[in-house]
C-alpha atoms as a PDB file:
ATOM      1  CA  MET A   1     -43.580 134.126 101.291  1.00  0.00           C
ATOM      2  CA  SER A   2     -40.324 135.866 100.401  1.00  0.00           C
ATOM      3  CA  TYR A   3     -38.286 135.093  97.299  1.00  0.00           C
ATOM      4  CA  GLU A   4     -35.629 133.415  99.481  1.00  0.00           C
ATOM      5  CA  ASP A   5     -38.277 131.227 101.149  1.00  0.00           C
ATOM      6  CA  PHE A   6     -39.697 130.268  97.755  1.00  0.00           C
ATOM      7  CA  GLU A   7     -36.261 129.319  96.381  1.00  0.00           C
ATOM      8  CA  ALA A   8     -35.528 127.197  99.460  1.00  0.00           C
ATOM      9  CA  LEU A   9     -38.895 125.432  99.152  1.00  0.00           C
ATOM     10  CA  LYS A  10     -38.252 124.873  95.451  1.00  0.00           C
ATOM     11  CA  THR A  11     -34.878 123.273  96.119  1.00  0.00           C
ATOM     12  CA  GLU A  12     -36.271 121.074  98.894  1.00  0.00           C
ATOM     13  CA  ASN A  13     -39.007 119.785  96.557  1.00  0.00           C
ATOM     14  CA  GLY A  14     -37.029 118.975  93.429  1.00  0.00           C
ATOM     15  CA  ASN A  15     -37.969 122.171  91.550  1.00  0.00           C
ATOM     16  CA  PHE A  16     -41.658 121.196  91.838  1.00  0.00           C
ATOM     17  CA  GLU A  17     -41.273 118.649  89.023  1.00  0.00           C
ATOM     18  CA  THR A  18     -43.413 115.988  90.740  1.00  0.00           C
ATOM     19  CA  GLU A  19     -47.036 115.986  91.908  1.00  0.00           C
ATOM     20  CA  LEU A  20     -45.862 115.642  95.509  1.00  0.00           C
ATOM     21  CA  GLY A  21     -43.441 118.536  95.125  1.00  0.00           C
ATOM     22  CA  ARG A  22     -46.151 120.781  93.692  1.00  0.00           C
ATOM     23  CA  ALA A  23     -48.527 119.742  96.476  1.00  0.00           C
ATOM     24  CA  ASN A  24     -46.045 121.085  99.041  1.00  0.00           C
ATOM     25  CA  LEU A  25     -46.141 124.436  97.257  1.00  0.00           C
ATOM     26  CA  GLU A  26     -49.881 124.534  96.710  1.00  0.00           C
ATOM     27  CA  CYS A  27     -50.969 124.309 100.347  1.00  0.00           C
ATOM     28  CA  GLY A  28     -51.843 126.834 103.028  1.00  0.00           C
ATOM     29  CA  PHE A  29     -53.361 129.222 100.502  1.00  0.00           C
ATOM     30  CA  THR A  30     -56.661 131.107 100.749  1.00  0.00           C
ATOM     31  CA  LEU A  31     -58.797 131.344  97.611  1.00  0.00           C
ATOM     32  CA  VAL A  32     -59.464 135.001  96.913  1.00  0.00           C
ATOM     33  CA  ALA A  33     -61.044 134.803  93.461  1.00  0.00           C
ATOM     34  CA  SER A  34     -61.436 132.604  90.417  1.00  0.00           C
ATOM     35  CA  TYR A  35     -62.239 133.306  86.814  1.00  0.00           C
ATOM     36  CA  GLY A  36     -62.779 131.391  83.598  1.00  0.00           C
ATOM     37  CA  LEU A  37     -61.651 131.928  80.030  1.00  0.00           C
ATOM     38  CA  HIS A  38     -63.506 130.895  76.903  1.00  0.00           C
ATOM     39  CA  ASP A  39     -61.843 130.758  73.513  1.00  0.00           C
ATOM     40  CA  GLU A  40     -64.332 131.294  70.717  1.00  0.00           C
ATOM     41  CA  TYR A  41     -64.517 128.432  68.232  1.00  0.00           C
ATOM     42  CA  ARG A  42     -63.358 129.188  64.718  1.00  0.00           C
ATOM     43  CA  ASN A  43     -66.132 129.981  62.248  1.00  0.00           C
ATOM     44  CA  GLY A  44     -67.040 127.246  59.803  1.00  0.00           C
ATOM     45  CA  CYS A  45     -65.625 124.370  61.863  1.00  0.00           C
ATOM     46  CA  ILE A  46     -68.874 122.432  62.231  1.00  0.00           C
ATOM     47  CA  GLU A  47     -69.729 122.698  58.540  1.00  0.00           C
ATOM     48  CA  ALA A  48     -66.197 121.696  57.498  1.00  0.00           C
ATOM     49  CA  ILE A  49     -66.188 118.650  59.796  1.00  0.00           C
ATOM     50  CA  GLU A  50     -69.579 117.559  58.457  1.00  0.00           C
ATOM     51  CA  LYS A  51     -68.266 117.817  54.894  1.00  0.00           C
ATOM     52  CA  LEU A  52     -65.158 115.828  55.848  1.00  0.00           C
ATOM     53  CA  TYR A  53     -67.349 113.079  57.309  1.00  0.00           C
ATOM     54  CA  GLU A  54     -69.396 113.015  54.097  1.00  0.00           C
ATOM     55  CA  GLY A  55     -66.117 112.523  52.242  1.00  0.00           C
ATOM     56  CA  VAL A  56     -65.253 109.552  54.489  1.00  0.00           C
ATOM     57  CA  THR A  57     -62.612 111.568  56.325  1.00  0.00           C
ATOM     58  CA  ASN A  58     -62.658 111.061  60.080  1.00  0.00           C
ATOM     59  CA  THR A  59     -61.965 114.043  62.352  1.00  0.00           C
ATOM     60  CA  ARG A  60     -60.496 113.591  65.830  1.00  0.00           C
ATOM     61  CA  ILE A  61     -59.417 115.926  68.600  1.00  0.00           C
ATOM     62  CA  LEU A  62     -55.981 115.482  70.196  1.00  0.00           C
ATOM     63  CA  SER A  63     -55.658 118.055  72.943  1.00  0.00           C
ATOM     64  CA  GLY A  64     -53.600 118.794  76.012  1.00  0.00           C
ATOM     65  CA  ASP A  65     -56.582 120.455  77.681  1.00  0.00           C
ATOM     66  CA  HIS A  66     -58.614 119.240  80.655  1.00  0.00           C
ATOM     67  CA  ARG A  67     -61.044 116.390  80.047  1.00  0.00           C
ATOM     68  CA  ASP A  68     -64.224 118.457  80.502  1.00  0.00           C
ATOM     69  CA  THR A  69     -62.956 121.208  78.198  1.00  0.00           C
ATOM     70  CA  VAL A  70     -62.135 118.758  75.415  1.00  0.00           C
ATOM     71  CA  ILE A  71     -65.429 116.873  75.780  1.00  0.00           C
ATOM     72  CA  ALA A  72     -67.373 120.144  75.549  1.00  0.00           C
ATOM     73  CA  ALA A  73     -65.573 121.004  72.298  1.00  0.00           C
ATOM     74  CA  ALA A  74     -66.079 117.493  70.893  1.00  0.00           C
ATOM     75  CA  ARG A  75     -69.808 117.685  71.585  1.00  0.00           C
ATOM     76  CA  HIS A  76     -70.026 121.157  70.076  1.00  0.00           C
ATOM     77  CA  PHE A  77     -68.390 119.903  66.858  1.00  0.00           C
ATOM     78  CA  LYS A  78     -70.528 116.728  66.894  1.00  0.00           C
ATOM     79  CA  ILE A  79     -67.498 114.453  67.064  1.00  0.00           C
ATOM     80  CA  ILE A  80     -69.133 112.594  69.957  1.00  0.00           C
ATOM     81  CA  GLU A  81     -72.780 112.306  70.994  1.00  0.00           C
ATOM     82  CA  PRO A  82     -74.337 115.243  72.901  1.00  0.00           C
ATOM     83  CA  GLU A  83     -74.643 113.250  76.119  1.00  0.00           C
ATOM     84  CA  GLY A  84     -72.057 110.559  75.421  1.00  0.00           C
ATOM     85  CA  GLU A  85     -68.400 110.045  76.185  1.00  0.00           C
ATOM     86  CA  PHE A  86     -67.661 107.022  74.011  1.00  0.00           C
ATOM     87  CA  GLY A  87     -64.349 107.417  72.221  1.00  0.00           C
ATOM     88  CA  VAL A  88     -62.850 109.722  74.870  1.00  0.00           C
ATOM     89  CA  ILE A  89     -59.510 108.656  76.370  1.00  0.00           C
ATOM     90  CA  SER A  90     -56.613 110.308  78.174  1.00  0.00           C
ATOM     91  CA  GLY A  91     -53.187 110.685  76.636  1.00  0.00           C
ATOM     92  CA  GLU A  92     -51.664 108.544  79.380  1.00  0.00           C
ATOM     93  CA  GLU A  93     -54.131 105.690  78.834  1.00  0.00           C
ATOM     94  CA  LEU A  94     -53.536 105.721  75.092  1.00  0.00           C
ATOM     95  CA  ARG A  95     -49.754 105.934  75.507  1.00  0.00           C
ATOM     96  CA  VAL A  96     -49.662 102.807  77.686  1.00  0.00           C
ATOM     97  CA  GLN A  97     -51.628 100.829  75.108  1.00  0.00           C
ATOM     98  CA  LEU A  98     -49.688 102.095  72.085  1.00  0.00           C
ATOM     99  CA  LEU A  99     -46.274 101.428  73.609  1.00  0.00           C
ATOM    100  CA  ASP A 100     -47.296  97.769  73.867  1.00  0.00           C
ATOM    101  CA  LEU A 101     -47.964  97.731  70.116  1.00  0.00           C
ATOM    102  CA  LEU A 102     -45.240 100.012  68.720  1.00  0.00           C
ATOM    103  CA  THR A 103     -41.458  99.851  68.604  1.00  0.00           C
ATOM    104  CA  GLU A 104     -38.781 102.303  67.545  1.00  0.00           C
ATOM    105  CA  VAL A 105     -37.108 101.569  64.204  1.00  0.00           C
ATOM    106  CA  GLN A 106     -34.891 103.369  61.734  1.00  0.00           C
ATOM    107  CA  ASP A 107     -36.715 105.539  59.215  1.00  0.00           C
ATOM    108  CA  GLU A 108     -36.331 104.014  55.740  1.00  0.00           C
ATOM    109  CA  THR A 109     -36.168 107.440  54.112  1.00  0.00           C
ATOM    110  CA  ASN A 110     -33.837 109.019  56.687  1.00  0.00           C
ATOM    111  CA  PRO A 111     -31.148 106.794  58.266  1.00  0.00           C
ATOM    112  CA  THR A 112     -30.465 109.343  61.009  1.00  0.00           C
ATOM    113  CA  LYS A 113     -34.081 109.371  62.211  1.00  0.00           C
ATOM    114  CA  GLN A 114     -35.907 106.895  64.453  1.00  0.00           C
ATOM    115  CA  VAL A 115     -39.674 106.390  64.065  1.00  0.00           C
ATOM    116  CA  MET A 116     -42.381 104.384  65.810  1.00  0.00           C
ATOM    117  CA  ARG A 117     -43.893 101.472  63.903  1.00  0.00           C
ATOM    118  CA  PHE A 118     -45.980  98.419  64.826  1.00  0.00           C
ATOM    119  CA  LYS A 119     -44.042  95.490  66.270  1.00  0.00           C
ATOM    120  CA  ASP A 120     -45.743  92.976  63.967  1.00  0.00           C
ATOM    121  CA  LYS A 121     -48.875  92.279  61.912  1.00  0.00           C
ATOM    122  CA  GLU A 122     -50.811  91.186  64.999  1.00  0.00           C
ATOM    123  CA  ALA A 123     -50.123  94.523  66.724  1.00  0.00           C
ATOM    124  CA  ARG A 124     -51.260  96.412  63.629  1.00  0.00           C
ATOM    125  CA  LYS A 125     -54.451  94.360  63.394  1.00  0.00           C
ATOM    126  CA  LEU A 126     -55.202  94.869  67.091  1.00  0.00           C
ATOM    127  CA  PHE A 127     -54.885  98.630  66.667  1.00  0.00           C
ATOM    128  CA  LYS A 128     -57.098  98.681  63.571  1.00  0.00           C
ATOM    129  CA  ASP A 129     -59.768  96.566  65.302  1.00  0.00           C
ATOM    130  CA  THR A 130     -59.807  98.548  68.561  1.00  0.00           C
ATOM    131  CA  LEU A 131     -58.071 101.899  69.135  1.00  0.00           C
ATOM    132  CA  ASN A 132     -58.410 103.111  65.553  1.00  0.00           C
ATOM    133  CA  LYS A 133     -62.184 102.745  65.791  1.00  0.00           C
ATOM    134  CA  GLU A 134     -62.605 103.756  69.409  1.00  0.00           C
ATOM    135  CA  VAL A 135     -60.383 106.811  69.932  1.00  0.00           C
ATOM    136  CA  GLN A 136     -62.082 109.996  68.747  1.00  0.00           C
ATOM    137  CA  VAL A 137     -61.061 112.415  71.469  1.00  0.00           C
ATOM    138  CA  LEU A 138     -57.751 112.559  73.330  1.00  0.00           C
ATOM    139  CA  TYR A 139     -57.406 114.822  76.381  1.00  0.00           C
ATOM    140  CA  ARG A 140     -54.373 115.731  78.493  1.00  0.00           C
ATOM    141  CA  ALA A 141     -52.290 114.586  75.532  1.00  0.00           C
ATOM    142  CA  THR A 142     -48.579 115.333  75.539  1.00  0.00           C
ATOM    143  CA  PRO A 143     -46.712 116.100  72.293  1.00  0.00           C
ATOM    144  CA  TYR A 144     -45.399 112.512  72.435  1.00  0.00           C
ATOM    145  CA  ASP A 145     -48.951 111.110  72.748  1.00  0.00           C
ATOM    146  CA  LYS A 146     -50.025 113.029  69.641  1.00  0.00           C
ATOM    147  CA  TYR A 147     -46.953 111.755  67.803  1.00  0.00           C
ATOM    148  CA  LEU A 148     -47.565 108.130  68.838  1.00  0.00           C
ATOM    149  CA  PHE A 149     -51.182 108.183  67.692  1.00  0.00           C
ATOM    150  CA  THR A 150     -50.251 109.829  64.392  1.00  0.00           C
ATOM    151  CA  SER A 151     -47.542 107.199  63.867  1.00  0.00           C
ATOM    152  CA  ALA A 152     -49.979 104.375  64.602  1.00  0.00           C
ATOM    153  CA  LEU A 153     -52.606 105.755  62.232  1.00  0.00           C
ATOM    154  CA  ARG A 154     -50.081 106.077  59.410  1.00  0.00           C
ATOM    155  CA  ASP A 155     -48.569 102.628  59.941  1.00  0.00           C
ATOM    156  CA  SER A 156     -52.047 101.100  60.023  1.00  0.00           C
ATOM    157  CA  GLY A 157     -52.570 102.221  56.422  1.00  0.00           C
ATOM    158  CA  SER A 158     -54.474 105.478  56.920  1.00  0.00           C
ATOM    159  CA  VAL A 159     -53.584 108.710  55.151  1.00  0.00           C
ATOM    160  CA  VAL A 160     -53.183 111.175  58.018  1.00  0.00           C
ATOM    161  CA  ALA A 161     -53.453 114.952  58.061  1.00  0.00           C
ATOM    162  CA  VAL A 162     -52.720 116.860  61.261  1.00  0.00           C
ATOM    163  CA  THR A 163     -53.638 120.451  61.968  1.00  0.00           C
ATOM    164  CA  GLY A 164     -51.885 122.376  64.735  1.00  0.00           C
ATOM    165  CA  GLU A 165     -50.377 125.720  65.553  1.00  0.00           C
ATOM    166  CA  SER A 166     -48.295 125.337  68.728  1.00  0.00           C
ATOM    167  CA  ILE A 167     -44.987 123.823  69.776  1.00  0.00           C
ATOM    168  CA  SER A 168     -46.856 120.853  71.266  1.00  0.00           C
ATOM    169  CA  ASP A 169     -48.104 119.923  67.773  1.00  0.00           C
ATOM    170  CA  VAL A 170     -44.702 119.887  66.049  1.00  0.00           C
ATOM    171  CA  MET A 171     -43.938 116.162  66.457  1.00  0.00           C
ATOM    172  CA  ALA A 172     -47.342 115.116  65.113  1.00  0.00           C
ATOM    173  CA  LEU A 173     -47.194 117.646  62.268  1.00  0.00           C
ATOM    174  CA  GLY A 174     -43.849 116.247  61.179  1.00  0.00           C
ATOM    175  CA  GLU A 175     -45.039 112.626  61.356  1.00  0.00           C
ATOM    176  CA  ALA A 176     -48.284 113.190  59.422  1.00  0.00           C
ATOM    177  CA  ASP A 177     -48.611 112.601  55.692  1.00  0.00           C
ATOM    178  CA  VAL A 178     -49.702 116.236  55.489  1.00  0.00           C
ATOM    179  CA  GLY A 179     -49.224 118.836  58.206  1.00  0.00           C
ATOM    180  CA  PHE A 180     -51.549 121.853  58.241  1.00  0.00           C
ATOM    181  CA  CYS A 181     -50.802 125.008  60.234  1.00  0.00           C
ATOM    182  CA  MET A 182     -52.826 128.177  60.652  1.00  0.00           C
ATOM    183  CA  GLY A 183     -51.183 131.436  59.662  1.00  0.00           C
ATOM    184  CA  SER A 184     -51.376 132.561  63.288  1.00  0.00           C
ATOM    185  CA  GLY A 185     -49.414 129.486  64.405  1.00  0.00           C
ATOM    186  CA  CYS A 186     -45.935 129.651  65.917  1.00  0.00           C
ATOM    187  CA  ALA A 187     -42.849 129.570  63.699  1.00  0.00           C
ATOM    188  CA  VAL A 188     -41.736 126.033  64.610  1.00  0.00           C
ATOM    189  CA  ALA A 189     -45.207 124.653  63.855  1.00  0.00           C
ATOM    190  CA  LYS A 190     -45.136 126.351  60.455  1.00  0.00           C
ATOM    191  CA  ASP A 191     -41.682 124.919  59.758  1.00  0.00           C
ATOM    192  CA  ALA A 192     -42.946 121.398  60.555  1.00  0.00           C
ATOM    193  CA  SER A 193     -46.024 121.793  58.328  1.00  0.00           C
ATOM    194  CA  ASP A 194     -46.566 121.187  54.628  1.00  0.00           C
ATOM    195  CA  ILE A 195     -49.387 123.696  54.145  1.00  0.00           C
ATOM    196  CA  ILE A 196     -50.015 127.003  55.948  1.00  0.00           C
ATOM    197  CA  PHE A 197     -53.507 128.536  55.897  1.00  0.00           C
ATOM    198  CA  LEU A 198     -53.061 132.270  55.695  1.00  0.00           C
ATOM    199  CA  ASP A 199     -56.786 132.887  56.213  1.00  0.00           C
ATOM    200  CA  ASP A 200     -56.803 131.012  59.589  1.00  0.00           C
ATOM    201  CA  ASN A 201     -59.999 129.322  58.419  1.00  0.00           C
ATOM    202  CA  PHE A 202     -60.682 125.703  59.371  1.00  0.00           C
ATOM    203  CA  SER A 203     -62.906 125.264  56.324  1.00  0.00           C
ATOM    204  CA  SER A 204     -59.759 125.688  54.226  1.00  0.00           C
ATOM    205  CA  ILE A 205     -58.719 122.263  55.499  1.00  0.00           C
ATOM    206  CA  PHE A 206     -61.716 120.732  53.754  1.00  0.00           C
ATOM    207  CA  ASN A 207     -60.788 122.500  50.528  1.00  0.00           C
ATOM    208  CA  ALA A 208     -57.185 121.283  50.811  1.00  0.00           C
ATOM    209  CA  VAL A 209     -58.259 117.687  51.498  1.00  0.00           C
ATOM    210  CA  LYS A 210     -60.705 117.808  48.577  1.00  0.00           C
END
């Protein structure tokens, strides 16, 4: 396919912004090869999470990655059972449920900012009785999904810390009571955070929480 053909196909399919548009691009190909990547887990994560649990601090994963990838990590870190999938939900599923419970209001501390808060006491109670207990792992989560869940946790009465290092984490980092960023994180994530870990060590989060 020439560059001109590609540009014409792109225009005809709305810049490939929809699933149908991308499907028209991703057809007629022959698979030549495939490969996989594996990011090594940070040292000390399992021990730090165990210590956080002992200190009655729940640890959850909010990730934009594929479902199987996120579940594998959650099992490795013992956030869910080795063979189980209870507590695993997609960002889209969670978003639909939260938008029924939350509404946008003016931030009391910043009149120019809008924030998401529960519509009423019943909505808050429903979240605390269900999603707050059930959601441990979020996959295919957009930045907005992470922000919504962080907002709901805070407005339900929890003290919330968020750790992240990419642009997709910025909204949640800014909404959290405390935002943690690794020293290797991007500049905007650092700007949105309250604490930056220069040693890039997850166990430092436990020390900071303690």
